[in-house]
Amino acid sequence: MSSAPTFRLTRPEEAQRVIDFINTHFDYKLPHINLPDYFDYYFRGENGLQFALAEIDGEIVAAAGYIRTAREVENGIWVSVWVAVKGHNGVGLELMNALPGLTGASFVACNNIRAKTMAFYRFLGWTAERVPHYYRLARREQYRLAKADPSAILPAGGDLKLDGVHSVNRLYGLGLPETSHIPNKDLWYLAHRYFDFPRQSYQVWSASENGHLLAYLVTRVVESWADGPVKALRVVDFIGEDSVLPRLGAAIDRLMQAEEVEYADCYCWGVPAEVFAAAGFTERKEDDGVIIPNYLTPPVDFNTEYCFFTSQPEGFTLFKADGDQDRPNLTVN
């Protein structure tokens, strides 16, 4: 008869043991587990390896890898990898429930869970939902990627402009804007996520009024090919109060024009749809017939739905770049 499971954090020297366990029990080889630069970026923190384990009689039966939402883990964590031995999913769920206590994190969340697993997290008393998707078409005669009605383009106004933040020094010089969003992303997180990220570049923008910082907006331009070159603009993060976003509508329009993109889109939970509408963004519903493709290299002619969970829904706000999402779609042999 096996013993009861024990739960603990990993030791720094256990990296290969964790990698081998995940490769054995996951469906395929995950890039951020098997590519060394990704693994180090996501899972090697200042205080050691960012994994928790469930063991029975000294053998791993479940593992969970997590990413900090700020320099101090107490601010909260994104779960990135969750793997359990077949027949031990219950222990894996216990491990997930134990994560706040093991790490000291104030909340646990995960971006891009499988829709069929949402019931597991609701069983724990957590919130699990689909992530809403918003888009804004550029004014064009034809669209090669998007399938949407251009006559329904919403007006976009606003009195603020976007200024490029091109270095970590500039970021630290500006500081942080006021926001009621959770997680409370600090400057360490923003620098690490958008200036240190391997294999992909981001554009960080600031919005200020009378010398007072109001918000950061983070974007990424994706170049694709669909009967010719075509580009899209991803809005992947926003740090600031909701009331600032509508004041950036015209500035985002100018950015779209400057980059000559076909559309801009944003996955976000926590900012109301009416706020996005005031910024000129339309909400794509699951059954409205609109297609705003997420995968563009190469382009695919369908929508991508994201789901998430959080143990702290009050004030919680999620964007595409949170957790381990918005990274190149790489394969590992």
C-alpha atoms as a PDB file:
ATOM      1  CA  MET A   1       0.000   0.000   0.000  1.00  0.00           C
ATOM      2  CA  SER A   2       1.456   3.344  -1.058  1.00  0.00           C
ATOM      3  CA  SER A   3       1.928   6.197   1.350  1.00  0.00           C
ATOM      4  CA  ALA A   4       0.006   9.461   1.322  1.00  0.00           C
ATOM      5  CA  PRO A   5       1.410  12.076  -1.078  1.00  0.00           C
ATOM      6  CA  THR A   6       3.785  14.751   0.142  1.00  0.00           C
ATOM      7  CA  PHE A   7       4.093  18.196  -1.435  1.00  0.00           C
ATOM      8  CA  ARG A   8       7.205  20.337  -1.617  1.00  0.00           C
ATOM      9  CA  LEU A   9       9.166  22.832  -3.710  1.00  0.00           C
ATOM     10  CA  THR A  10      12.043  21.567  -5.840  1.00  0.00           C
ATOM     11  CA  ARG A  11      15.706  21.978  -5.082  1.00  0.00           C
ATOM     12  CA  PRO A  12      17.991  23.743  -7.612  1.00  0.00           C
ATOM     13  CA  GLU A  13      19.791  20.524  -8.535  1.00  0.00           C
ATOM     14  CA  GLU A  14      16.556  18.743  -9.536  1.00  0.00           C
ATOM     15  CA  ALA A  15      16.065  20.467 -12.900  1.00  0.00           C
ATOM     16  CA  GLN A  16      16.872  17.420 -15.050  1.00  0.00           C
ATOM     17  CA  ARG A  17      14.735  15.156 -12.883  1.00  0.00           C
ATOM     18  CA  VAL A  18      11.773  17.484 -13.395  1.00  0.00           C
ATOM     19  CA  ILE A  19      12.409  17.773 -17.151  1.00  0.00           C
ATOM     20  CA  ASP A  20      12.571  13.984 -17.503  1.00  0.00           C
ATOM     21  CA  PHE A  21       9.355  13.527 -15.529  1.00  0.00           C
ATOM     22  CA  ILE A  22       7.430  16.054 -17.650  1.00  0.00           C
ATOM     23  CA  ASN A  23       8.730  14.601 -20.921  1.00  0.00           C
ATOM     24  CA  THR A  24       7.664  11.136 -19.799  1.00  0.00           C
ATOM     25  CA  HIS A  25       4.138  12.062 -18.761  1.00  0.00           C
ATOM     26  CA  PHE A  26       3.123  14.963 -21.022  1.00  0.00           C
ATOM     27  CA  ASP A  27       1.604  14.532 -24.492  1.00  0.00           C
ATOM     28  CA  TYR A  28       4.575  16.052 -26.330  1.00  0.00           C
ATOM     29  CA  LYS A  29       7.858  17.849 -25.683  1.00  0.00           C
ATOM     30  CA  LEU A  30       7.106  21.362 -24.458  1.00  0.00           C
ATOM     31  CA  PRO A  31       9.435  24.047 -25.866  1.00  0.00           C
ATOM     32  CA  HIS A  32       9.688  25.982 -22.603  1.00  0.00           C
ATOM     33  CA  ILE A  33      10.734  22.784 -20.816  1.00  0.00           C
ATOM     34  CA  ASN A  34      13.194  21.469 -23.411  1.00  0.00           C
ATOM     35  CA  LEU A  35      14.807  24.599 -24.869  1.00  0.00           C
ATOM     36  CA  PRO A  36      17.463  25.710 -22.357  1.00  0.00           C
ATOM     37  CA  ASP A  37      17.014  29.457 -22.862  1.00  0.00           C
ATOM     38  CA  TYR A  38      13.255  29.156 -22.371  1.00  0.00           C
ATOM     39  CA  PHE A  39      13.605  26.884 -19.346  1.00  0.00           C
ATOM     40  CA  ASP A  40      16.055  29.244 -17.657  1.00  0.00           C
ATOM     41  CA  TYR A  41      13.936  32.298 -18.503  1.00  0.00           C
ATOM     42  CA  TYR A  42      10.695  30.878 -17.140  1.00  0.00           C
ATOM     43  CA  PHE A  43      11.722  28.566 -14.316  1.00  0.00           C
ATOM     44  CA  ARG A  44      15.070  29.570 -12.841  1.00  0.00           C
ATOM     45  CA  GLY A  45      14.379  32.300 -10.316  1.00  0.00           C
ATOM     46  CA  GLU A  46      16.652  34.253  -8.028  1.00  0.00           C
ATOM     47  CA  ASN A  47      15.811  31.863  -5.209  1.00  0.00           C
ATOM     48  CA  GLY A  48      16.000  28.594  -7.120  1.00  0.00           C
ATOM     49  CA  LEU A  49      13.923  26.384  -9.364  1.00  0.00           C
ATOM     50  CA  GLN A  50      10.248  27.364  -9.747  1.00  0.00           C
ATOM     51  CA  PHE A  51       8.525  23.967  -9.534  1.00  0.00           C
ATOM     52  CA  ALA A  52       6.460  22.176  -6.925  1.00  0.00           C
ATOM     53  CA  LEU A  53       6.242  18.384  -6.667  1.00  0.00           C
ATOM     54  CA  ALA A  54       3.869  15.777  -5.342  1.00  0.00           C
ATOM     55  CA  GLU A  55       5.662  12.566  -4.338  1.00  0.00           C
ATOM     56  CA  ILE A  56       4.564   9.158  -3.149  1.00  0.00           C
ATOM     57  CA  ASP A  57       7.244   6.963  -1.571  1.00  0.00           C
ATOM     58  CA  GLY A  58       9.908   9.254  -3.017  1.00  0.00           C
ATOM     59  CA  GLU A  59       8.609   9.066  -6.606  1.00  0.00           C
ATOM     60  CA  ILE A  60       7.212  12.114  -8.409  1.00  0.00           C
ATOM     61  CA  VAL A  61       3.539  11.689  -9.306  1.00  0.00           C
ATOM     62  CA  ALA A  62       2.761  15.341 -10.202  1.00  0.00           C
ATOM     63  CA  ALA A  63       4.701  18.504 -10.974  1.00  0.00           C
ATOM     64  CA  ALA A  64       3.706  22.144 -11.417  1.00  0.00           C
ATOM     65  CA  GLY A  65       5.971  24.854 -12.815  1.00  0.00           C
ATOM     66  CA  TYR A  66       5.170  28.480 -12.051  1.00  0.00           C
ATOM     67  CA  ILE A  67       6.165  32.000 -13.142  1.00  0.00           C
ATOM     68  CA  ARG A  68       6.302  35.031 -10.871  1.00  0.00           C
ATOM     69  CA  THR A  69       4.002  37.992 -11.539  1.00  0.00           C
ATOM     70  CA  ALA A  70       6.472  40.320  -9.772  1.00  0.00           C
ATOM     71  CA  ARG A  71       9.921  40.101  -8.230  1.00  0.00           C
ATOM     72  CA  GLU A  72       8.431  38.877  -4.941  1.00  0.00           C
ATOM     73  CA  VAL A  73       6.604  35.582  -5.331  1.00  0.00           C
ATOM     74  CA  GLU A  74       4.118  36.674  -2.659  1.00  0.00           C
ATOM     75  CA  ASN A  75       2.558  38.949  -5.300  1.00  0.00           C
ATOM     76  CA  GLY A  76       1.147  35.909  -7.105  1.00  0.00           C
ATOM     77  CA  ILE A  77       2.152  33.251  -9.614  1.00  0.00           C
ATOM     78  CA  TRP A  78       1.178  32.015 -13.065  1.00  0.00           C
ATOM     79  CA  VAL A  79       1.060  28.248 -13.346  1.00  0.00           C
ATOM     80  CA  SER A  80       2.804  27.297 -16.569  1.00  0.00           C
ATOM     81  CA  VAL A  81       3.116  23.497 -16.526  1.00  0.00           C
ATOM     82  CA  TRP A  82       0.972  20.966 -14.692  1.00  0.00           C
ATOM     83  CA  VAL A  83       1.616  17.261 -15.219  1.00  0.00           C
ATOM     84  CA  ALA A  84       0.426  14.204 -13.318  1.00  0.00           C
ATOM     85  CA  VAL A  85       1.071  10.505 -13.720  1.00  0.00           C
ATOM     86  CA  LYS A  86      -1.909   8.711 -15.245  1.00  0.00           C
ATOM     87  CA  GLY A  87      -4.235   7.698 -12.431  1.00  0.00           C
ATOM     88  CA  HIS A  88      -2.975  10.446 -10.128  1.00  0.00           C
ATOM     89  CA  ASN A  89      -4.887  13.475 -11.443  1.00  0.00           C
ATOM     90  CA  GLY A  90      -6.471  13.836  -8.016  1.00  0.00           C
ATOM     91  CA  VAL A  91      -3.034  14.182  -6.441  1.00  0.00           C
ATOM     92  CA  GLY A  92      -2.141  16.675  -9.156  1.00  0.00           C
ATOM     93  CA  LEU A  93      -5.172  18.741  -8.230  1.00  0.00           C
ATOM     94  CA  GLU A  94      -4.144  18.567  -4.561  1.00  0.00           C
ATOM     95  CA  LEU A  95      -0.730  19.881  -5.587  1.00  0.00           C
ATOM     96  CA  MET A  96      -2.365  22.792  -7.393  1.00  0.00           C
ATOM     97  CA  ASN A  97      -4.410  23.585  -4.299  1.00  0.00           C
ATOM     98  CA  ALA A  98      -1.244  23.424  -2.180  1.00  0.00           C
ATOM     99  CA  LEU A  99       0.694  25.911  -4.350  1.00  0.00           C
ATOM    100  CA  PRO A 100      -0.280  29.088  -2.455  1.00  0.00           C
ATOM    101  CA  GLY A 101       0.889  27.588   0.815  1.00  0.00           C
ATOM    102  CA  LEU A 102       4.065  26.090  -0.642  1.00  0.00           C
ATOM    103  CA  THR A 103       5.168  29.253  -2.437  1.00  0.00           C
ATOM    104  CA  GLY A 104       3.630  31.940  -0.228  1.00  0.00           C
ATOM    105  CA  ALA A 105       1.839  33.375  -3.286  1.00  0.00           C
ATOM    106  CA  SER A 106      -1.253  35.492  -2.658  1.00  0.00           C
ATOM    107  CA  PHE A 107      -3.003  33.930  -5.645  1.00  0.00           C
ATOM    108  CA  VAL A 108      -2.524  31.315  -8.349  1.00  0.00           C
ATOM    109  CA  ALA A 109      -3.652  31.716 -11.964  1.00  0.00           C
ATOM    110  CA  CYS A 110      -3.050  30.095 -15.327  1.00  0.00           C
ATOM    111  CA  ASN A 111      -3.417  31.450 -18.855  1.00  0.00           C
ATOM    112  CA  ASN A 112      -4.560  28.962 -21.532  1.00  0.00           C
ATOM    113  CA  ILE A 113      -5.970  25.907 -19.803  1.00  0.00           C
ATOM    114  CA  ARG A 114      -7.937  23.284 -21.661  1.00  0.00           C
ATOM    115  CA  ALA A 115     -11.644  24.054 -21.651  1.00  0.00           C
ATOM    116  CA  LYS A 116     -12.518  20.572 -20.416  1.00  0.00           C
ATOM    117  CA  THR A 117     -10.392  21.081 -17.279  1.00  0.00           C
ATOM    118  CA  MET A 118     -12.232  24.191 -16.074  1.00  0.00           C
ATOM    119  CA  ALA A 119     -14.471  22.032 -13.876  1.00  0.00           C
ATOM    120  CA  PHE A 120     -11.403  20.870 -11.897  1.00  0.00           C
ATOM    121  CA  TYR A 121     -10.512  24.415 -10.875  1.00  0.00           C
ATOM    122  CA  ARG A 122     -14.103  25.363 -10.152  1.00  0.00           C
ATOM    123  CA  PHE A 123     -14.144  22.349  -7.820  1.00  0.00           C
ATOM    124  CA  LEU A 124     -11.362  24.085  -5.873  1.00  0.00           C
ATOM    125  CA  GLY A 125     -13.568  27.169  -5.584  1.00  0.00           C
ATOM    126  CA  TRP A 126     -11.571  29.108  -8.161  1.00  0.00           C
ATOM    127  CA  THR A 127     -12.809  31.039 -11.194  1.00  0.00           C
ATOM    128  CA  ALA A 128     -12.337  29.463 -14.643  1.00  0.00           C
ATOM    129  CA  GLU A 129     -13.622  31.181 -17.790  1.00  0.00           C
ATOM    130  CA  ARG A 130     -13.068  31.853 -21.487  1.00  0.00           C
ATOM    131  CA  VAL A 131     -10.879  34.881 -22.253  1.00  0.00           C
ATOM    132  CA  PRO A 132     -12.778  37.520 -24.309  1.00  0.00           C
ATOM    133  CA  HIS A 133     -11.252  38.573 -27.633  1.00  0.00           C
ATOM    134  CA  TYR A 134     -11.406  42.127 -29.028  1.00  0.00           C
ATOM    135  CA  TYR A 135     -10.379  43.480 -32.414  1.00  0.00           C
ATOM    136  CA  ARG A 136     -10.217  46.660 -34.456  1.00  0.00           C
ATOM    137  CA  LEU A 137     -10.103  46.559 -38.253  1.00  0.00           C
ATOM    138  CA  ALA A 138      -8.023  49.057 -40.179  1.00  0.00           C
ATOM    139  CA  ARG A 139      -9.902  50.830 -42.963  1.00  0.00           C
ATOM    140  CA  ARG A 140      -9.034  48.825 -46.063  1.00  0.00           C
ATOM    141  CA  GLU A 141     -10.654  47.830 -49.316  1.00  0.00           C
ATOM    142  CA  GLN A 142      -9.979  44.152 -48.669  1.00  0.00           C
ATOM    143  CA  TYR A 143      -8.876  41.901 -45.813  1.00  0.00           C
ATOM    144  CA  ARG A 144      -6.751  38.834 -46.376  1.00  0.00           C
ATOM    145  CA  LEU A 145      -6.586  37.606 -42.794  1.00  0.00           C
ATOM    146  CA  ALA A 146      -9.661  38.862 -40.954  1.00  0.00           C
ATOM    147  CA  LYS A 147     -13.237  37.963 -41.831  1.00  0.00           C
ATOM    148  CA  ALA A 148     -15.381  40.712 -40.332  1.00  0.00           C
ATOM    149  CA  ASP A 149     -17.709  43.508 -41.407  1.00  0.00           C
ATOM    150  CA  PRO A 150     -15.739  46.741 -41.946  1.00  0.00           C
ATOM    151  CA  SER A 151     -18.936  48.806 -41.869  1.00  0.00           C
ATOM    152  CA  ALA A 152     -19.124  48.067 -38.137  1.00  0.00           C
ATOM    153  CA  ILE A 153     -15.774  49.702 -37.284  1.00  0.00           C
ATOM    154  CA  LEU A 154     -16.288  51.678 -34.089  1.00  0.00           C
ATOM    155  CA  PRO A 155     -15.157  55.282 -33.676  1.00  0.00           C
ATOM    156  CA  ALA A 156     -11.883  55.728 -31.795  1.00  0.00           C
ATOM    157  CA  GLY A 157     -11.076  58.944 -30.004  1.00  0.00           C
ATOM    158  CA  GLY A 158      -8.896  59.964 -27.123  1.00  0.00           C
ATOM    159  CA  ASP A 159      -6.555  62.777 -26.242  1.00  0.00           C
ATOM    160  CA  LEU A 160      -3.460  60.829 -25.185  1.00  0.00           C
ATOM    161  CA  LYS A 161      -0.450  59.864 -27.267  1.00  0.00           C
ATOM    162  CA  LEU A 162       1.850  56.862 -27.051  1.00  0.00           C
ATOM    163  CA  ASP A 163       5.566  57.346 -26.493  1.00  0.00           C
ATOM    164  CA  GLY A 164       8.016  54.530 -27.093  1.00  0.00           C
ATOM    165  CA  VAL A 165       9.845  53.104 -24.074  1.00  0.00           C
ATOM    166  CA  HIS A 166      12.951  51.741 -25.741  1.00  0.00           C
ATOM    167  CA  SER A 167      15.097  50.701 -22.787  1.00  0.00           C
ATOM    168  CA  VAL A 168      14.953  49.302 -19.279  1.00  0.00           C
ATOM    169  CA  ASN A 169      16.548  52.494 -17.997  1.00  0.00           C
ATOM    170  CA  ARG A 170      13.712  54.530 -19.478  1.00  0.00           C
ATOM    171  CA  LEU A 171      11.173  52.131 -17.955  1.00  0.00           C
ATOM    172  CA  TYR A 172      12.663  52.481 -14.487  1.00  0.00           C
ATOM    173  CA  GLY A 173      12.892  56.225 -14.941  1.00  0.00           C
ATOM    174  CA  LEU A 174       9.166  56.471 -15.667  1.00  0.00           C
ATOM    175  CA  GLY A 175       8.081  54.234 -12.779  1.00  0.00           C
ATOM    176  CA  LEU A 176       4.676  52.620 -12.446  1.00  0.00           C
ATOM    177  CA  PRO A 177       1.211  54.042 -13.143  1.00  0.00           C
ATOM    178  CA  GLU A 178      -1.736  53.664 -10.796  1.00  0.00           C
ATOM    179  CA  THR A 179      -3.842  50.585 -11.435  1.00  0.00           C
ATOM    180  CA  SER A 180      -6.402  48.503  -9.587  1.00  0.00           C
ATOM    181  CA  HIS A 181      -5.577  45.416 -11.653  1.00  0.00           C
ATOM    182  CA  ILE A 182      -4.344  42.192 -10.129  1.00  0.00           C
ATOM    183  CA  PRO A 183      -1.623  41.011 -10.487  1.00  0.00           C
ATOM    184  CA  ASN A 184       0.282  44.146  -9.510  1.00  0.00           C
ATOM    185  CA  LYS A 185       3.045  43.949 -12.114  1.00  0.00           C
ATOM    186  CA  ASP A 186       6.176  45.684 -10.872  1.00  0.00           C
ATOM    187  CA  LEU A 187       9.044  47.186 -12.867  1.00  0.00           C
ATOM    188  CA  TRP A 188      11.133  44.026 -12.467  1.00  0.00           C
ATOM    189  CA  TYR A 189       8.349  42.008 -14.097  1.00  0.00           C
ATOM    190  CA  LEU A 190       7.861  44.467 -16.975  1.00  0.00           C
ATOM    191  CA  ALA A 191      11.595  44.615 -17.673  1.00  0.00           C
ATOM    192  CA  HIS A 192      11.951  40.835 -17.482  1.00  0.00           C
ATOM    193  CA  ARG A 193       8.862  40.088 -19.566  1.00  0.00           C
ATOM    194  CA  TYR A 194       9.273  42.625 -22.357  1.00  0.00           C
ATOM    195  CA  PHE A 195      12.967  43.473 -22.541  1.00  0.00           C
ATOM    196  CA  ASP A 196      14.615  40.169 -21.545  1.00  0.00           C
ATOM    197  CA  PHE A 197      12.309  37.761 -23.381  1.00  0.00           C
ATOM    198  CA  PRO A 198      14.214  35.407 -25.724  1.00  0.00           C
ATOM    199  CA  ARG A 199      13.346  34.879 -29.400  1.00  0.00           C
ATOM    200  CA  GLN A 200      10.749  37.654 -29.716  1.00  0.00           C
ATOM    201  CA  SER A 201      10.594  41.468 -29.455  1.00  0.00           C
ATOM    202  CA  TYR A 202       7.936  43.756 -27.992  1.00  0.00           C
ATOM    203  CA  GLN A 203       7.111  47.433 -28.239  1.00  0.00           C
ATOM    204  CA  VAL A 204       6.451  49.100 -24.881  1.00  0.00           C
ATOM    205  CA  TRP A 205       4.573  52.418 -24.952  1.00  0.00           C
ATOM    206  CA  SER A 206       3.847  54.943 -22.215  1.00  0.00           C
ATOM    207  CA  ALA A 207       0.954  57.383 -21.930  1.00  0.00           C
ATOM    208  CA  SER A 208       1.341  60.469 -19.741  1.00  0.00           C
ATOM    209  CA  GLU A 209      -0.537  63.662 -18.949  1.00  0.00           C
ATOM    210  CA  ASN A 210       1.146  66.795 -17.610  1.00  0.00           C
ATOM    211  CA  GLY A 211       4.240  64.767 -16.775  1.00  0.00           C
ATOM    212  CA  HIS A 212       2.245  62.142 -14.860  1.00  0.00           C
ATOM    213  CA  LEU A 213       2.465  58.536 -16.070  1.00  0.00           C
ATOM    214  CA  LEU A 214      -1.006  57.091 -16.714  1.00  0.00           C
ATOM    215  CA  ALA A 215      -0.396  53.746 -18.420  1.00  0.00           C
ATOM    216  CA  TYR A 216       1.821  51.335 -20.304  1.00  0.00           C
ATOM    217  CA  LEU A 217       0.628  49.597 -23.455  1.00  0.00           C
ATOM    218  CA  VAL A 218       2.579  46.655 -24.877  1.00  0.00           C
ATOM    219  CA  THR A 219       2.265  45.613 -28.518  1.00  0.00           C
ATOM    220  CA  ARG A 220       3.817  43.272 -31.035  1.00  0.00           C
ATOM    221  CA  VAL A 221       3.599  43.467 -34.819  1.00  0.00           C
ATOM    222  CA  VAL A 222       3.220  40.105 -36.576  1.00  0.00           C
ATOM    223  CA  GLU A 223       4.176  39.792 -40.220  1.00  0.00           C
ATOM    224  CA  SER A 224       2.334  37.160 -42.237  1.00  0.00           C
ATOM    225  CA  TRP A 225       1.728  36.132 -45.841  1.00  0.00           C
ATOM    226  CA  ALA A 226      -1.711  35.655 -47.387  1.00  0.00           C
ATOM    227  CA  ASP A 227      -1.549  36.264 -51.150  1.00  0.00           C
ATOM    228  CA  GLY A 228       1.088  38.849 -50.312  1.00  0.00           C
ATOM    229  CA  PRO A 229       2.667  40.370 -47.183  1.00  0.00           C
ATOM    230  CA  VAL A 230       0.275  41.456 -44.470  1.00  0.00           C
ATOM    231  CA  LYS A 231       0.662  42.482 -40.823  1.00  0.00           C
ATOM    232  CA  ALA A 232      -1.419  42.488 -37.634  1.00  0.00           C
ATOM    233  CA  LEU A 233      -0.936  44.331 -34.352  1.00  0.00           C
ATOM    234  CA  ARG A 234      -1.194  42.434 -31.078  1.00  0.00           C
ATOM    235  CA  VAL A 235      -2.074  44.405 -27.963  1.00  0.00           C
ATOM    236  CA  VAL A 236      -0.669  41.999 -25.379  1.00  0.00           C
ATOM    237  CA  ASP A 237      -0.667  43.999 -22.131  1.00  0.00           C
ATOM    238  CA  PHE A 238      -2.013  47.169 -20.539  1.00  0.00           C
ATOM    239  CA  ILE A 239      -0.990  48.526 -17.145  1.00  0.00           C
ATOM    240  CA  GLY A 240      -3.110  51.406 -15.890  1.00  0.00           C
ATOM    241  CA  GLU A 241      -6.654  52.276 -14.884  1.00  0.00           C
ATOM    242  CA  ASP A 242      -9.468  51.150 -17.185  1.00  0.00           C
ATOM    243  CA  SER A 243     -10.496  54.767 -17.746  1.00  0.00           C
ATOM    244  CA  VAL A 244      -7.217  55.458 -19.575  1.00  0.00           C
ATOM    245  CA  LEU A 245      -7.742  52.893 -22.330  1.00  0.00           C
ATOM    246  CA  PRO A 246     -10.495  54.798 -24.219  1.00  0.00           C
ATOM    247  CA  ARG A 247      -8.229  57.845 -24.213  1.00  0.00           C
ATOM    248  CA  LEU A 248      -5.727  55.784 -26.248  1.00  0.00           C
ATOM    249  CA  GLY A 249      -8.111  54.837 -29.071  1.00  0.00           C
ATOM    250  CA  ALA A 250      -6.862  57.420 -31.571  1.00  0.00           C
ATOM    251  CA  ALA A 251      -3.236  56.742 -30.609  1.00  0.00           C
ATOM    252  CA  ILE A 252      -3.690  53.020 -31.285  1.00  0.00           C
ATOM    253  CA  ASP A 253      -5.291  53.937 -34.625  1.00  0.00           C
ATOM    254  CA  ARG A 254      -2.230  56.011 -35.497  1.00  0.00           C
ATOM    255  CA  LEU A 255       0.005  53.113 -34.540  1.00  0.00           C
ATOM    256  CA  MET A 256      -2.021  50.800 -36.791  1.00  0.00           C
ATOM    257  CA  GLN A 257      -1.648  53.235 -39.669  1.00  0.00           C
ATOM    258  CA  ALA A 258       2.078  53.676 -39.123  1.00  0.00           C
ATOM    259  CA  GLU A 259       2.644  49.911 -39.075  1.00  0.00           C
ATOM    260  CA  GLU A 260       0.206  49.362 -41.983  1.00  0.00           C
ATOM    261  CA  VAL A 261      -1.539  46.482 -40.232  1.00  0.00           C
ATOM    262  CA  GLU A 262      -4.798  44.864 -41.289  1.00  0.00           C
ATOM    263  CA  TYR A 263      -6.167  44.790 -37.754  1.00  0.00           C
ATOM    264  CA  ALA A 264      -5.305  45.059 -34.073  1.00  0.00           C
ATOM    265  CA  ASP A 265      -6.541  42.523 -31.551  1.00  0.00           C
ATOM    266  CA  CYS A 266      -6.421  41.925 -27.812  1.00  0.00           C
ATOM    267  CA  TYR A 267      -7.270  38.961 -25.582  1.00  0.00           C
ATOM    268  CA  CYS A 268      -8.297  40.268 -22.168  1.00  0.00           C
ATOM    269  CA  TRP A 269     -10.364  39.237 -19.163  1.00  0.00           C
ATOM    270  CA  GLY A 270     -11.100  41.792 -16.463  1.00  0.00           C
ATOM    271  CA  VAL A 271     -11.451  45.004 -18.499  1.00  0.00           C
ATOM    272  CA  PRO A 272     -15.157  45.489 -19.399  1.00  0.00           C
ATOM    273  CA  ALA A 273     -16.254  45.163 -23.042  1.00  0.00           C
ATOM    274  CA  GLU A 274     -17.676  48.692 -22.946  1.00  0.00           C
ATOM    275  CA  VAL A 275     -14.214  50.053 -22.116  1.00  0.00           C
ATOM    276  CA  PHE A 276     -12.766  48.323 -25.165  1.00  0.00           C
ATOM    277  CA  ALA A 277     -15.678  49.592 -27.268  1.00  0.00           C
ATOM    278  CA  ALA A 278     -14.937  53.148 -26.149  1.00  0.00           C
ATOM    279  CA  ALA A 279     -11.363  52.600 -27.382  1.00  0.00           C
ATOM    280  CA  GLY A 280     -12.698  51.436 -30.763  1.00  0.00           C
ATOM    281  CA  PHE A 281     -12.432  47.664 -30.246  1.00  0.00           C
ATOM    282  CA  THR A 282     -15.258  45.240 -31.049  1.00  0.00           C
ATOM    283  CA  GLU A 283     -15.739  42.070 -29.047  1.00  0.00           C
ATOM    284  CA  ARG A 284     -15.576  38.864 -31.079  1.00  0.00           C
ATOM    285  CA  LYS A 285     -18.154  36.385 -29.847  1.00  0.00           C
ATOM    286  CA  GLU A 286     -17.784  32.650 -30.270  1.00  0.00           C
ATOM    287  CA  ASP A 287     -20.798  32.329 -32.558  1.00  0.00           C
ATOM    288  CA  ASP A 288     -20.837  35.631 -34.490  1.00  0.00           C
ATOM    289  CA  GLY A 289     -19.112  34.333 -37.623  1.00  0.00           C
ATOM    290  CA  VAL A 290     -16.177  36.744 -37.297  1.00  0.00           C
ATOM    291  CA  ILE A 291     -12.673  35.297 -37.780  1.00  0.00           C
ATOM    292  CA  ILE A 292      -9.683  37.107 -36.293  1.00  0.00           C
ATOM    293  CA  PRO A 293      -6.902  34.532 -36.638  1.00  0.00           C
ATOM    294  CA  ASN A 294      -4.427  34.133 -33.836  1.00  0.00           C
ATOM    295  CA  TYR A 295      -1.861  31.996 -35.678  1.00  0.00           C
ATOM    296  CA  LEU A 296      -0.314  33.947 -38.537  1.00  0.00           C
ATOM    297  CA  THR A 297       3.008  32.249 -39.294  1.00  0.00           C
ATOM    298  CA  PRO A 298       1.607  30.565 -41.324  1.00  0.00           C
ATOM    299  CA  PRO A 299      -1.909  32.062 -41.174  1.00  0.00           C
ATOM    300  CA  VAL A 300      -4.785  29.770 -40.226  1.00  0.00           C
ATOM    301  CA  ASP A 301      -8.395  30.466 -41.076  1.00  0.00           C
ATOM    302  CA  PHE A 302      -9.968  29.984 -37.634  1.00  0.00           C
ATOM    303  CA  ASN A 303     -10.230  31.614 -34.231  1.00  0.00           C
ATOM    304  CA  THR A 304      -8.321  30.562 -31.141  1.00  0.00           C
ATOM    305  CA  GLU A 305     -10.162  30.431 -27.832  1.00  0.00           C
ATOM    306  CA  TYR A 306      -8.224  30.792 -24.580  1.00  0.00           C
ATOM    307  CA  CYS A 307      -9.431  29.779 -21.128  1.00  0.00           C
ATOM    308  CA  PHE A 308      -7.917  30.555 -17.736  1.00  0.00           C
ATOM    309  CA  PHE A 309      -8.312  30.040 -14.011  1.00  0.00           C
ATOM    310  CA  THR A 310      -7.566  32.254 -11.036  1.00  0.00           C
ATOM    311  CA  SER A 311      -7.873  31.721  -7.316  1.00  0.00           C
ATOM    312  CA  GLN A 312      -8.429  35.495  -6.881  1.00  0.00           C
ATOM    313  CA  PRO A 313     -11.078  36.840  -9.293  1.00  0.00           C
ATOM    314  CA  GLU A 314     -11.612  40.209  -7.607  1.00  0.00           C
ATOM    315  CA  GLY A 315      -9.653  42.792  -9.584  1.00  0.00           C
ATOM    316  CA  PHE A 316      -7.988  40.052 -11.648  1.00  0.00           C
ATOM    317  CA  THR A 317      -7.037  41.111 -15.178  1.00  0.00           C
ATOM    318  CA  LEU A 318      -5.451  38.848 -17.770  1.00  0.00           C
ATOM    319  CA  PHE A 319      -3.858  39.679 -21.125  1.00  0.00           C
ATOM    320  CA  LYS A 320      -2.373  37.584 -23.928  1.00  0.00           C
ATOM    321  CA  ALA A 321       1.243  37.947 -22.761  1.00  0.00           C
ATOM    322  CA  ASP A 322       0.533  36.844 -19.187  1.00  0.00           C
ATOM    323  CA  GLY A 323       1.921  33.559 -17.969  1.00  0.00           C
ATOM    324  CA  ASP A 324       3.813  31.633 -20.639  1.00  0.00           C
ATOM    325  CA  GLN A 325       1.608  32.756 -23.528  1.00  0.00           C
ATOM    326  CA  ASP A 326       2.487  34.878 -26.562  1.00  0.00           C
ATOM    327  CA  ARG A 327       5.679  33.099 -27.422  1.00  0.00           C
ATOM    328  CA  PRO A 328       6.865  31.715 -30.788  1.00  0.00           C
ATOM    329  CA  ASN A 329       5.174  28.463 -31.776  1.00  0.00           C
ATOM    330  CA  LEU A 330       8.284  26.262 -31.745  1.00  0.00           C
ATOM    331  CA  THR A 331       8.543  22.499 -31.932  1.00  0.00           C
ATOM    332  CA  VAL A 332      11.063  20.259 -30.181  1.00  0.00           C
ATOM    333  CA  ASN A 333      12.173  16.909 -31.583  1.00  0.00           C
END
